[in-house]
């Protein structure tokens, strides 16, 4: 049983406190205080011993500076390496650093059986060696980061260009987008970004066109 003069500090979640029970406590000789930083219901809001503070913990100069730096670092990391972290809708994904001798391919796809096999078969059928790869998923979203051997020519593979390879990869049923990255993370270059929208590939050559 809670002491009549007990004080409660709640800076976590309102659901942690039974407001009806607390109101009953105050109505029956409870002399303590309830302090929180979010809105309370009508049973508590008119009481002088309920202190509601502004919810500004994330609005301090330090917090806003840290949030901006984190957003910039996260975006740069994704652009340079394909790494995903602190995302709401995408799975956390990290593949070890690549050498300048490989090209990194990032693929966003539907998370369903057989999808990974279809993606990897594009490289296998083309005679392109995969150096390393990682497949992750979150809900309906699948994400692949694949390092392939960087080719100086296309004489020994079954495609005439990266555009042709990317077009086939992006055209796969269930693939949402593809992206190529090459060079070291410090000097990352982007060879192409393509999306599959309603079965039509955009971003390679002219809009809606193939290689």
N, C-alpha and C. Protein backbone atom coordinates (compact mmCIF):
# COMPACT_ATOMS: atom_id res chain seq x y z
N UNK A 1 0.85 -1.19 0.00
CA UNK A 1 0.00 0.00 0.00
C UNK A 1 0.88 1.24 0.00
N UNK A 2 0.55 2.22 -0.85
CA UNK A 2 1.35 3.43 -0.97
C UNK A 2 1.11 4.36 0.21
N UNK A 3 2.19 4.96 0.71
CA UNK A 3 2.08 5.90 1.81
C UNK A 3 1.30 7.13 1.38
N UNK A 4 0.54 7.75 2.27
CA UNK A 4 -0.28 8.92 1.91
C UNK A 4 0.54 10.08 1.36
N UNK A 5 1.79 10.24 1.84
CA UNK A 5 2.60 11.38 1.40
C UNK A 5 3.59 11.02 0.31
N UNK A 6 3.41 9.86 -0.34
CA UNK A 6 4.34 9.43 -1.38
C UNK A 6 4.23 10.34 -2.60
N UNK A 7 5.38 10.61 -3.21
CA UNK A 7 5.43 11.40 -4.44
C UNK A 7 5.88 10.50 -5.59
N UNK A 8 5.26 10.66 -6.73
CA UNK A 8 5.57 9.87 -7.90
C UNK A 8 6.12 10.78 -9.00
N UNK A 9 7.28 10.45 -9.51
CA UNK A 9 7.87 11.16 -10.65
C UNK A 9 7.82 10.22 -11.85
N UNK A 10 7.09 10.58 -12.86
CA UNK A 10 6.93 9.73 -14.04
C UNK A 10 7.36 10.51 -15.29
N UNK A 11 8.55 10.21 -15.78
CA UNK A 11 9.05 10.83 -17.01
C UNK A 11 9.26 9.78 -18.10
N UNK A 12 8.51 8.69 -17.97
CA UNK A 12 8.64 7.59 -18.94
C UNK A 12 7.39 7.54 -19.83
N UNK A 13 6.34 6.90 -19.35
CA UNK A 13 5.10 6.77 -20.11
C UNK A 13 3.91 6.92 -19.17
N UNK A 14 2.87 7.58 -19.68
CA UNK A 14 1.68 7.77 -18.87
C UNK A 14 1.00 6.47 -18.50
N UNK A 15 1.12 5.47 -19.39
CA UNK A 15 0.46 4.19 -19.15
C UNK A 15 1.00 3.45 -17.94
N UNK A 16 2.16 3.87 -17.43
CA UNK A 16 2.75 3.20 -16.27
C UNK A 16 1.99 3.50 -14.98
N UNK A 17 1.20 4.55 -15.00
CA UNK A 17 0.46 4.95 -13.79
C UNK A 17 -1.04 4.78 -14.03
N UNK A 18 -1.71 4.11 -13.12
CA UNK A 18 -3.16 3.96 -13.16
C UNK A 18 -3.76 5.26 -12.63
N UNK A 19 -4.20 6.13 -13.54
CA UNK A 19 -4.66 7.45 -13.12
C UNK A 19 -5.91 7.38 -12.25
N UNK A 20 -6.79 6.44 -12.53
CA UNK A 20 -8.01 6.31 -11.71
C UNK A 20 -7.65 5.91 -10.28
N UNK A 21 -6.69 4.97 -10.15
CA UNK A 21 -6.26 4.55 -8.82
C UNK A 21 -5.56 5.68 -8.09
N UNK A 22 -4.75 6.47 -8.82
CA UNK A 22 -4.06 7.58 -8.19
C UNK A 22 -5.04 8.66 -7.76
N UNK A 23 -6.06 8.93 -8.59
CA UNK A 23 -7.09 9.90 -8.21
C UNK A 23 -7.84 9.44 -6.96
N UNK A 24 -8.12 8.14 -6.89
CA UNK A 24 -8.77 7.59 -5.70
C UNK A 24 -7.88 7.77 -4.46
N UNK A 25 -6.57 7.57 -4.67
CA UNK A 25 -5.62 7.76 -3.56
C UNK A 25 -5.65 9.19 -3.06
N UNK A 26 -5.64 10.16 -3.98
CA UNK A 26 -5.67 11.58 -3.58
C UNK A 26 -7.00 11.95 -2.92
N UNK A 27 -8.08 11.30 -3.35
CA UNK A 27 -9.40 11.59 -2.79
C UNK A 27 -9.57 11.00 -1.39
N UNK A 28 -8.64 10.12 -1.02
CA UNK A 28 -8.74 9.48 0.30
C UNK A 28 -7.49 9.78 1.12
N UNK A 29 -7.29 11.07 1.35
CA UNK A 29 -6.24 11.58 2.24
C UNK A 29 -4.82 11.42 1.69
N UNK A 30 -4.68 11.22 0.40
CA UNK A 30 -3.35 11.20 -0.18
C UNK A 30 -2.82 12.62 -0.30
N UNK A 31 -1.68 12.90 0.30
CA UNK A 31 -1.13 14.26 0.32
C UNK A 31 0.14 14.41 -0.52
N UNK A 32 0.53 13.37 -1.22
CA UNK A 32 1.75 13.43 -2.01
C UNK A 32 1.58 14.20 -3.31
N UNK A 33 2.54 14.03 -4.20
CA UNK A 33 2.54 14.74 -5.48
C UNK A 33 2.72 13.73 -6.62
N UNK A 34 2.18 14.12 -7.77
CA UNK A 34 2.42 13.37 -8.99
C UNK A 34 3.00 14.35 -10.00
N UNK A 35 4.23 14.07 -10.46
CA UNK A 35 4.93 14.95 -11.40
C UNK A 35 5.22 14.16 -12.67
N UNK A 36 4.88 14.73 -13.82
CA UNK A 36 5.12 14.07 -15.09
C UNK A 36 5.37 15.12 -16.17
N UNK A 37 5.76 14.69 -17.35
CA UNK A 37 6.01 15.63 -18.46
C UNK A 37 5.18 15.29 -19.68
N UNK A 38 3.91 14.91 -19.45
CA UNK A 38 2.97 14.66 -20.54
C UNK A 38 1.57 14.92 -20.01
N UNK A 39 0.62 15.04 -20.90
CA UNK A 39 -0.74 15.36 -20.51
C UNK A 39 -1.36 14.25 -19.66
N UNK A 40 -2.18 14.62 -18.72
CA UNK A 40 -2.89 13.66 -17.88
C UNK A 40 -4.39 13.75 -18.17
N UNK A 41 -5.13 12.74 -17.73
CA UNK A 41 -6.57 12.71 -17.96
C UNK A 41 -7.33 13.63 -17.03
N UNK A 42 -8.64 13.76 -17.24
CA UNK A 42 -9.47 14.69 -16.45
C UNK A 42 -9.54 14.36 -14.96
N UNK A 43 -9.24 13.10 -14.60
CA UNK A 43 -9.28 12.76 -13.17
C UNK A 43 -8.13 13.38 -12.40
N UNK A 44 -7.03 13.72 -13.09
CA UNK A 44 -5.86 14.27 -12.43
C UNK A 44 -5.59 15.72 -12.78
N UNK A 45 -6.00 16.16 -13.96
CA UNK A 45 -5.59 17.48 -14.45
C UNK A 45 -6.02 18.66 -13.57
N UNK A 46 -7.17 18.64 -12.89
CA UNK A 46 -7.52 19.84 -12.11
C UNK A 46 -6.90 19.90 -10.71
N UNK A 47 -6.05 18.98 -10.35
CA UNK A 47 -5.54 18.89 -8.98
C UNK A 47 -4.26 19.71 -8.80
N UNK A 48 -4.18 20.38 -7.67
CA UNK A 48 -3.01 21.21 -7.37
C UNK A 48 -1.77 20.37 -7.05
N UNK A 49 -1.95 19.14 -6.65
CA UNK A 49 -0.80 18.30 -6.34
C UNK A 49 -0.37 17.43 -7.52
N UNK A 50 -0.90 17.72 -8.71
CA UNK A 50 -0.46 17.08 -9.95
C UNK A 50 0.26 18.15 -10.77
N UNK A 51 1.54 17.94 -10.98
CA UNK A 51 2.37 18.92 -11.67
C UNK A 51 2.78 18.36 -13.03
N UNK A 52 2.33 19.06 -14.06
CA UNK A 52 2.63 18.63 -15.43
C UNK A 52 3.65 19.59 -16.03
N UNK A 53 4.81 19.05 -16.40
CA UNK A 53 5.89 19.85 -16.98
C UNK A 53 5.89 19.72 -18.50
N UNK A 54 6.46 20.71 -19.21
CA UNK A 54 6.57 20.60 -20.67
C UNK A 54 7.48 19.43 -21.05
N UNK A 55 7.11 18.75 -22.11
CA UNK A 55 7.90 17.62 -22.59
C UNK A 55 8.96 18.15 -23.56
N UNK A 56 10.05 18.64 -23.04
CA UNK A 56 11.07 19.32 -23.85
C UNK A 56 12.44 18.67 -23.74
N UNK A 57 12.50 17.44 -23.27
CA UNK A 57 13.80 16.80 -23.11
C UNK A 57 14.57 16.67 -24.40
N UNK A 58 13.83 16.55 -25.52
CA UNK A 58 14.50 16.39 -26.81
C UNK A 58 14.73 17.72 -27.52
N UNK A 59 14.41 18.83 -26.84
CA UNK A 59 14.52 20.13 -27.48
C UNK A 59 15.62 21.00 -26.89
N UNK A 60 16.49 20.41 -26.10
CA UNK A 60 17.62 21.18 -25.60
C UNK A 60 18.62 21.40 -26.72
N UNK A 61 19.50 22.36 -26.56
CA UNK A 61 20.51 22.63 -27.59
C UNK A 61 21.36 21.39 -27.84
N UNK A 62 21.74 20.70 -26.76
CA UNK A 62 22.58 19.51 -26.90
C UNK A 62 21.85 18.40 -27.65
N UNK A 63 20.57 18.19 -27.29
CA UNK A 63 19.80 17.12 -27.93
C UNK A 63 19.60 17.39 -29.41
N UNK A 64 19.28 18.63 -29.77
CA UNK A 64 19.07 18.96 -31.18
C UNK A 64 20.36 18.85 -31.97
N UNK A 65 21.48 19.25 -31.37
CA UNK A 65 22.77 19.13 -32.04
C UNK A 65 23.14 17.66 -32.26
N UNK A 66 22.90 16.84 -31.23
CA UNK A 66 23.21 15.41 -31.35
C UNK A 66 22.31 14.74 -32.38
N UNK A 67 21.04 15.14 -32.41
CA UNK A 67 20.11 14.54 -33.37
C UNK A 67 20.50 14.90 -34.80
N UNK A 68 20.89 16.15 -35.02
CA UNK A 68 21.30 16.57 -36.36
C UNK A 68 22.57 15.85 -36.80
N UNK A 69 23.53 15.71 -35.87
CA UNK A 69 24.78 15.01 -36.20
C UNK A 69 24.50 13.54 -36.50
N UNK A 70 23.61 12.90 -35.73
CA UNK A 70 23.28 11.50 -35.96
C UNK A 70 22.61 11.32 -37.32
N UNK A 71 21.70 12.23 -37.66
CA UNK A 71 21.02 12.14 -38.96
C UNK A 71 22.02 12.28 -40.11
N UNK A 72 22.95 13.23 -39.98
CA UNK A 72 23.95 13.43 -41.03
C UNK A 72 24.88 12.23 -41.15
N UNK A 73 25.32 11.71 -40.01
CA UNK A 73 26.23 10.55 -40.03
C UNK A 73 25.53 9.32 -40.62
N UNK A 74 24.27 9.11 -40.24
CA UNK A 74 23.52 7.96 -40.72
C UNK A 74 23.29 8.03 -42.23
N UNK A 75 22.95 9.23 -42.71
CA UNK A 75 22.74 9.42 -44.14
C UNK A 75 24.03 9.21 -44.92
N UNK A 76 25.13 9.79 -44.42
CA UNK A 76 26.43 9.64 -45.10
C UNK A 76 26.85 8.18 -45.14
N UNK A 77 26.63 7.47 -44.04
CA UNK A 77 27.00 6.05 -43.98
C UNK A 77 26.21 5.24 -45.00
N UNK A 78 24.94 5.55 -45.14
CA UNK A 78 24.11 4.84 -46.12
C UNK A 78 24.58 5.13 -47.54
N UNK A 79 24.85 6.39 -47.83
CA UNK A 79 25.27 6.76 -49.18
C UNK A 79 26.63 6.16 -49.53
N UNK A 80 27.53 6.10 -48.56
CA UNK A 80 28.90 5.64 -48.82
C UNK A 80 29.04 4.12 -48.78
N UNK A 81 28.25 3.45 -47.95
CA UNK A 81 28.46 2.02 -47.76
C UNK A 81 27.20 1.16 -47.90
N UNK A 82 26.03 1.78 -47.96
CA UNK A 82 24.79 1.01 -47.99
C UNK A 82 24.32 0.56 -46.63
N UNK A 83 25.05 0.92 -45.58
CA UNK A 83 24.69 0.53 -44.22
C UNK A 83 23.41 1.22 -43.77
N UNK A 84 22.55 0.48 -43.10
CA UNK A 84 21.32 1.05 -42.54
C UNK A 84 21.34 0.87 -41.03
N UNK A 85 21.09 1.95 -40.30
CA UNK A 85 20.98 1.87 -38.85
C UNK A 85 19.98 2.92 -38.38
N UNK A 86 19.38 2.64 -37.24
CA UNK A 86 18.40 3.56 -36.62
C UNK A 86 17.25 3.89 -37.56
N UNK A 87 16.82 2.91 -38.36
CA UNK A 87 15.71 3.14 -39.28
C UNK A 87 14.42 2.58 -38.70
N UNK A 88 13.32 3.26 -38.97
CA UNK A 88 12.02 2.80 -38.49
C UNK A 88 11.48 1.67 -39.37
N UNK A 89 11.63 1.81 -40.69
CA UNK A 89 10.99 0.88 -41.62
C UNK A 89 11.93 -0.14 -42.24
N UNK A 90 13.26 0.11 -42.16
CA UNK A 90 14.21 -0.78 -42.80
C UNK A 90 15.03 -1.53 -41.75
N UNK A 91 15.48 -2.74 -42.08
CA UNK A 91 16.26 -3.52 -41.12
C UNK A 91 17.67 -2.98 -40.95
N UNK A 92 18.20 -3.08 -39.74
CA UNK A 92 19.59 -2.72 -39.50
C UNK A 92 20.49 -3.65 -40.31
N UNK A 93 21.39 -3.07 -41.10
CA UNK A 93 22.21 -3.86 -42.02
C UNK A 93 23.61 -3.28 -42.09
N UNK A 94 24.61 -4.11 -41.84
CA UNK A 94 26.00 -3.69 -41.93
C UNK A 94 26.82 -4.79 -42.57
N UNK A 95 27.54 -4.46 -43.63
CA UNK A 95 28.46 -5.38 -44.27
C UNK A 95 29.86 -4.82 -44.11
N UNK A 96 30.85 -5.67 -43.81
CA UNK A 96 32.22 -5.17 -43.61
C UNK A 96 32.70 -4.29 -44.76
N UNK A 97 33.65 -3.43 -44.46
CA UNK A 97 34.17 -2.50 -45.46
C UNK A 97 34.66 -3.25 -46.70
N UNK A 98 34.44 -2.64 -47.85
CA UNK A 98 34.83 -3.26 -49.12
C UNK A 98 36.15 -2.69 -49.62
N UNK A 99 36.82 -3.45 -50.45
CA UNK A 99 38.03 -2.98 -51.12
C UNK A 99 37.65 -2.21 -52.37
N UNK A 100 38.62 -1.48 -52.92
CA UNK A 100 38.37 -0.73 -54.14
C UNK A 100 38.20 -1.65 -55.34
N UNK A 101 38.53 -2.94 -55.15
CA UNK A 101 38.45 -3.90 -56.26
C UNK A 101 37.07 -4.53 -56.40
N UNK A 102 36.13 -4.14 -55.56
CA UNK A 102 34.78 -4.70 -55.66
C UNK A 102 33.77 -3.57 -55.86
N UNK A 103 32.62 -3.97 -56.33
CA UNK A 103 31.51 -3.03 -56.50
C UNK A 103 30.37 -3.50 -55.62
N UNK A 104 29.77 -2.57 -54.92
CA UNK A 104 28.70 -2.92 -53.98
C UNK A 104 27.34 -2.67 -54.62
N UNK A 105 26.46 -3.63 -54.48
CA UNK A 105 25.11 -3.53 -55.02
C UNK A 105 24.13 -3.61 -53.85
N UNK A 106 23.25 -2.64 -53.76
CA UNK A 106 22.24 -2.60 -52.71
C UNK A 106 20.87 -2.82 -53.35
N UNK A 107 20.12 -3.76 -52.80
CA UNK A 107 18.83 -4.13 -53.39
C UNK A 107 17.75 -4.09 -52.31
N UNK A 108 16.70 -3.33 -52.58
CA UNK A 108 15.51 -3.32 -51.71
C UNK A 108 14.44 -4.16 -52.40
N UNK A 109 13.87 -5.09 -51.66
CA UNK A 109 12.92 -6.00 -52.28
C UNK A 109 11.82 -6.39 -51.30
N UNK A 110 10.80 -7.04 -51.83
CA UNK A 110 9.76 -7.60 -50.97
C UNK A 110 10.35 -8.76 -50.16
N UNK A 111 9.93 -8.88 -48.93
CA UNK A 111 10.41 -9.96 -48.08
C UNK A 111 9.49 -11.18 -48.25
N UNK A 112 9.86 -12.03 -49.19
CA UNK A 112 9.05 -13.24 -49.45
C UNK A 112 9.96 -14.38 -49.87
N UNK A 113 9.49 -15.62 -49.72
CA UNK A 113 10.31 -16.78 -50.04
C UNK A 113 10.79 -16.77 -51.49
N UNK A 114 12.05 -17.16 -51.68
CA UNK A 114 12.61 -17.27 -53.02
C UNK A 114 13.21 -16.00 -53.58
N UNK A 115 12.98 -14.87 -52.90
CA UNK A 115 13.45 -13.59 -53.43
C UNK A 115 14.97 -13.52 -53.48
N UNK A 116 15.62 -13.96 -52.41
CA UNK A 116 17.09 -13.90 -52.37
C UNK A 116 17.70 -14.76 -53.48
N UNK A 117 17.15 -15.95 -53.69
CA UNK A 117 17.66 -16.83 -54.73
C UNK A 117 17.55 -16.20 -56.11
N UNK A 118 16.43 -15.52 -56.38
CA UNK A 118 16.25 -14.87 -57.67
C UNK A 118 17.28 -13.75 -57.87
N UNK A 119 17.54 -13.00 -56.82
CA UNK A 119 18.50 -11.90 -56.92
C UNK A 119 19.91 -12.43 -57.17
N UNK A 120 20.32 -13.42 -56.40
CA UNK A 120 21.68 -13.95 -56.54
C UNK A 120 21.87 -14.68 -57.87
N UNK A 121 20.80 -15.24 -58.40
CA UNK A 121 20.92 -15.96 -59.68
C UNK A 121 21.25 -15.02 -60.83
N UNK A 122 20.87 -13.75 -60.71
CA UNK A 122 21.22 -12.78 -61.76
C UNK A 122 22.73 -12.69 -61.90
N UNK A 123 23.42 -12.64 -60.76
CA UNK A 123 24.88 -12.57 -60.81
C UNK A 123 25.49 -13.91 -61.24
N UNK A 124 24.95 -15.00 -60.70
CA UNK A 124 25.47 -16.31 -61.05
C UNK A 124 25.31 -16.61 -62.53
N UNK A 125 24.14 -16.32 -63.08
CA UNK A 125 23.89 -16.58 -64.50
C UNK A 125 24.75 -15.69 -65.40
N UNK A 126 25.15 -14.53 -64.85
CA UNK A 126 25.98 -13.61 -65.63
C UNK A 126 27.46 -13.96 -65.53
N UNK A 127 27.82 -14.92 -64.67
CA UNK A 127 29.21 -15.29 -64.49
C UNK A 127 29.98 -14.31 -63.64
N UNK A 128 29.27 -13.60 -62.76
CA UNK A 128 29.90 -12.61 -61.88
C UNK A 128 30.05 -13.20 -60.48
N UNK A 129 31.24 -13.12 -59.93
CA UNK A 129 31.51 -13.70 -58.62
C UNK A 129 31.08 -12.75 -57.51
N UNK A 130 30.40 -13.32 -56.49
CA UNK A 130 30.01 -12.56 -55.30
C UNK A 130 31.07 -12.75 -54.23
N UNK A 131 31.63 -11.65 -53.75
CA UNK A 131 32.70 -11.68 -52.76
C UNK A 131 32.12 -11.85 -51.36
N UNK A 132 31.10 -11.08 -51.03
CA UNK A 132 30.41 -11.20 -49.75
C UNK A 132 29.03 -10.57 -49.91
N UNK A 133 28.11 -10.98 -49.03
CA UNK A 133 26.77 -10.41 -49.11
C UNK A 133 26.05 -10.61 -47.79
N UNK A 134 25.03 -9.77 -47.54
CA UNK A 134 24.20 -9.91 -46.35
C UNK A 134 22.75 -9.65 -46.75
N UNK A 135 21.86 -10.45 -46.19
CA UNK A 135 20.43 -10.31 -46.44
C UNK A 135 19.72 -10.11 -45.12
N UNK A 136 18.95 -9.03 -45.00
CA UNK A 136 18.20 -8.76 -43.77
C UNK A 136 16.76 -8.41 -44.14
N UNK A 137 15.90 -8.44 -43.17
CA UNK A 137 14.50 -8.10 -43.44
C UNK A 137 13.85 -7.51 -42.20
N UNK A 138 12.80 -6.75 -42.44
CA UNK A 138 11.99 -6.17 -41.37
C UNK A 138 10.58 -6.03 -41.90
N UNK A 139 9.67 -6.82 -41.36
CA UNK A 139 8.31 -6.81 -41.86
C UNK A 139 8.26 -7.26 -43.31
N UNK A 140 7.69 -6.42 -44.17
CA UNK A 140 7.55 -6.76 -45.58
C UNK A 140 8.76 -6.34 -46.41
N UNK A 141 9.75 -5.73 -45.78
CA UNK A 141 10.89 -5.17 -46.51
C UNK A 141 12.12 -6.06 -46.37
N UNK A 142 12.72 -6.42 -47.50
CA UNK A 142 13.99 -7.13 -47.51
C UNK A 142 15.07 -6.21 -48.04
N UNK A 143 16.29 -6.37 -47.55
CA UNK A 143 17.39 -5.50 -47.99
C UNK A 143 18.64 -6.35 -48.14
N UNK A 144 19.30 -6.21 -49.28
CA UNK A 144 20.50 -6.97 -49.57
C UNK A 144 21.65 -6.03 -49.91
N UNK A 145 22.81 -6.31 -49.35
CA UNK A 145 24.04 -5.61 -49.73
C UNK A 145 24.99 -6.68 -50.25
N UNK A 146 25.39 -6.54 -51.50
CA UNK A 146 26.14 -7.58 -52.19
C UNK A 146 27.40 -6.98 -52.79
N UNK A 147 28.56 -7.54 -52.44
CA UNK A 147 29.83 -7.13 -53.03
C UNK A 147 30.20 -8.09 -54.15
N UNK A 148 30.40 -7.55 -55.34
CA UNK A 148 30.79 -8.38 -56.48
C UNK A 148 32.14 -7.90 -57.01
N UNK A 149 32.82 -8.80 -57.69
CA UNK A 149 34.10 -8.42 -58.27
C UNK A 149 33.91 -7.33 -59.31
N UNK A 150 34.71 -6.31 -59.20
CA UNK A 150 34.61 -5.19 -60.13
C UNK A 150 35.25 -5.59 -61.45
N UNK A 151 34.52 -5.36 -62.53
CA UNK A 151 34.98 -5.76 -63.85
C UNK A 151 35.51 -4.56 -64.63
N UNK A 152 36.67 -4.74 -65.23
CA UNK A 152 37.20 -3.68 -66.09
C UNK A 152 36.62 -3.77 -67.49
N UNK A 153 36.24 -4.97 -67.89
CA UNK A 153 35.56 -5.18 -69.18
C UNK A 153 34.43 -6.17 -68.97
N UNK A 154 33.60 -6.31 -69.99
CA UNK A 154 32.48 -7.24 -69.93
C UNK A 154 32.68 -8.41 -70.90
N UNK A 155 33.94 -8.63 -71.26
CA UNK A 155 34.23 -9.67 -72.24
C UNK A 155 33.91 -11.07 -71.73
N UNK A 156 34.06 -11.28 -70.39
CA UNK A 156 33.91 -12.63 -69.85
C UNK A 156 32.57 -12.85 -69.15
N UNK A 157 31.65 -11.90 -69.24
CA UNK A 157 30.34 -12.06 -68.61
C UNK A 157 29.26 -11.88 -69.67
N UNK A 158 28.02 -12.11 -69.27
CA UNK A 158 26.94 -12.16 -70.23
C UNK A 158 26.16 -10.85 -70.34
N UNK A 159 26.79 -9.75 -69.96
CA UNK A 159 26.14 -8.45 -70.10
C UNK A 159 27.10 -7.48 -70.78
N UNK A 160 26.57 -6.53 -71.49
CA UNK A 160 27.40 -5.56 -72.21
C UNK A 160 27.74 -4.34 -71.35
N UNK A 161 26.98 -4.15 -70.25
CA UNK A 161 27.20 -2.97 -69.42
C UNK A 161 26.58 -3.18 -68.06
N UNK A 162 26.95 -2.30 -67.11
CA UNK A 162 26.32 -2.33 -65.79
C UNK A 162 24.84 -1.97 -65.90
N UNK A 163 24.53 -1.06 -66.84
CA UNK A 163 23.13 -0.69 -67.02
C UNK A 163 22.28 -1.91 -67.37
N UNK A 164 22.82 -2.76 -68.24
CA UNK A 164 22.07 -3.95 -68.65
C UNK A 164 21.86 -4.90 -67.48
N UNK A 165 22.90 -5.07 -66.68
CA UNK A 165 22.79 -5.93 -65.50
C UNK A 165 21.80 -5.34 -64.49
N UNK A 166 21.91 -4.04 -64.26
CA UNK A 166 21.03 -3.41 -63.28
C UNK A 166 19.58 -3.41 -63.76
N UNK A 167 19.39 -3.25 -65.05
CA UNK A 167 18.03 -3.28 -65.59
C UNK A 167 17.37 -4.63 -65.32
N UNK A 168 18.09 -5.72 -65.57
CA UNK A 168 17.53 -7.05 -65.32
C UNK A 168 17.27 -7.25 -63.84
N UNK A 169 18.22 -6.83 -63.00
CA UNK A 169 18.08 -6.99 -61.56
C UNK A 169 16.86 -6.22 -61.03
N UNK A 170 16.71 -4.99 -61.49
CA UNK A 170 15.61 -4.15 -61.03
C UNK A 170 14.27 -4.61 -61.59
N UNK A 171 14.31 -5.29 -62.73
CA UNK A 171 13.07 -5.76 -63.36
C UNK A 171 12.47 -6.98 -62.67
N UNK A 172 13.24 -7.63 -61.79
CA UNK A 172 12.72 -8.82 -61.11
C UNK A 172 11.45 -8.50 -60.34
N UNK A 173 10.48 -9.38 -60.44
CA UNK A 173 9.24 -9.21 -59.69
C UNK A 173 9.55 -9.23 -58.19
N UNK A 174 9.20 -8.18 -57.50
CA UNK A 174 9.45 -8.09 -56.07
C UNK A 174 10.61 -7.17 -55.71
N UNK A 175 11.45 -6.80 -56.67
CA UNK A 175 12.53 -5.85 -56.41
C UNK A 175 11.97 -4.44 -56.48
N UNK A 176 12.29 -3.63 -55.47
CA UNK A 176 11.80 -2.25 -55.40
C UNK A 176 12.81 -1.25 -55.95
N UNK A 177 14.08 -1.44 -55.60
CA UNK A 177 15.11 -0.52 -56.09
C UNK A 177 16.47 -1.18 -56.01
N UNK A 178 17.42 -0.65 -56.79
CA UNK A 178 18.80 -1.12 -56.77
C UNK A 178 19.73 0.08 -56.83
N UNK A 179 20.92 -0.12 -56.29
CA UNK A 179 21.91 0.98 -56.30
C UNK A 179 23.31 0.38 -56.35
N UNK A 180 24.19 0.98 -57.13
CA UNK A 180 25.59 0.57 -57.23
C UNK A 180 26.47 1.58 -56.52
N UNK A 181 27.45 1.08 -55.77
CA UNK A 181 28.45 1.92 -55.13
C UNK A 181 29.81 1.31 -55.44
N UNK A 182 30.78 2.14 -55.78
CA UNK A 182 32.13 1.61 -55.96
C UNK A 182 33.14 2.62 -55.44
N UNK A 183 34.37 2.16 -55.26
CA UNK A 183 35.38 2.98 -54.60
C UNK A 183 35.34 2.73 -53.11
N UNK A 184 36.33 3.24 -52.39
CA UNK A 184 36.35 3.10 -50.94
C UNK A 184 35.29 3.99 -50.33
N UNK A 185 34.85 3.73 -49.08
CA UNK A 185 33.84 4.58 -48.46
C UNK A 185 34.20 6.06 -48.46
N UNK A 186 35.49 6.36 -48.33
CA UNK A 186 35.91 7.77 -48.29
C UNK A 186 35.78 8.43 -49.65
N UNK A 187 35.79 7.62 -50.72
CA UNK A 187 35.69 8.19 -52.07
C UNK A 187 34.59 7.50 -52.86
N UNK A 188 33.50 7.19 -52.16
CA UNK A 188 32.43 6.41 -52.78
C UNK A 188 31.84 7.14 -53.99
N UNK A 189 31.59 6.37 -55.03
CA UNK A 189 30.96 6.90 -56.23
C UNK A 189 29.72 6.05 -56.52
N UNK A 190 28.72 6.68 -57.08
CA UNK A 190 27.46 6.00 -57.31
C UNK A 190 27.25 5.82 -58.81
N UNK A 191 27.26 4.57 -59.25
CA UNK A 191 27.15 4.29 -60.68
C UNK A 191 25.71 4.30 -61.15
N UNK A 192 24.76 4.22 -60.24
CA UNK A 192 23.39 4.24 -60.70
C UNK A 192 22.39 3.86 -59.62
N UNK A 193 21.21 4.48 -59.70
CA UNK A 193 20.10 4.16 -58.81
C UNK A 193 18.89 3.93 -59.69
N UNK A 194 18.18 2.85 -59.45
CA UNK A 194 17.01 2.53 -60.27
C UNK A 194 15.89 2.01 -59.37
N UNK A 195 14.67 2.28 -59.78
CA UNK A 195 13.50 1.83 -59.03
C UNK A 195 12.56 1.07 -59.97
N UNK A 196 11.83 0.15 -59.38
CA UNK A 196 10.81 -0.59 -60.09
C UNK A 196 9.46 -0.12 -59.56
N UNK A 197 8.74 0.62 -60.40
CA UNK A 197 7.43 1.14 -60.00
C UNK A 197 6.37 0.56 -60.91
N UNK A 198 5.53 -0.28 -60.32
CA UNK A 198 4.44 -0.92 -61.06
C UNK A 198 4.95 -1.66 -62.29
N UNK A 199 6.10 -2.35 -62.10
CA UNK A 199 6.64 -3.15 -63.18
C UNK A 199 7.47 -2.39 -64.20
N UNK A 200 7.60 -1.09 -64.03
CA UNK A 200 8.38 -0.27 -64.96
C UNK A 200 9.67 0.18 -64.26
N UNK A 201 10.80 0.06 -64.94
CA UNK A 201 12.08 0.44 -64.35
C UNK A 201 12.41 1.87 -64.72
N UNK A 202 12.75 2.65 -63.70
CA UNK A 202 13.12 4.05 -63.88
C UNK A 202 14.52 4.28 -63.31
N UNK A 203 15.27 5.18 -63.95
CA UNK A 203 16.56 5.57 -63.41
C UNK A 203 17.74 5.07 -64.20
N UNK A 204 17.50 4.24 -65.21
CA UNK A 204 18.59 3.74 -66.06
C UNK A 204 18.35 4.31 -67.46
N UNK A 205 19.28 5.08 -67.96
CA UNK A 205 19.08 5.71 -69.26
C UNK A 205 17.95 6.73 -69.17
N UNK A 206 17.07 6.72 -70.11
CA UNK A 206 15.92 7.64 -70.08
C UNK A 206 14.85 7.08 -69.16
N UNK A 207 13.96 7.95 -68.69
CA UNK A 207 12.91 7.55 -67.76
C UNK A 207 12.06 6.45 -68.41
N UNK A 208 11.91 5.37 -67.69
CA UNK A 208 11.09 4.28 -68.17
C UNK A 208 11.78 3.40 -69.19
N UNK A 209 13.01 3.73 -69.52
CA UNK A 209 13.70 2.96 -70.55
C UNK A 209 14.69 1.97 -69.99
N UNK A 210 15.12 1.05 -70.79
CA UNK A 210 16.12 0.09 -70.41
C UNK A 210 17.48 0.49 -70.97
N UNK A 211 18.46 -0.38 -70.86
CA UNK A 211 19.80 -0.08 -71.36
C UNK A 211 19.82 -0.04 -72.88
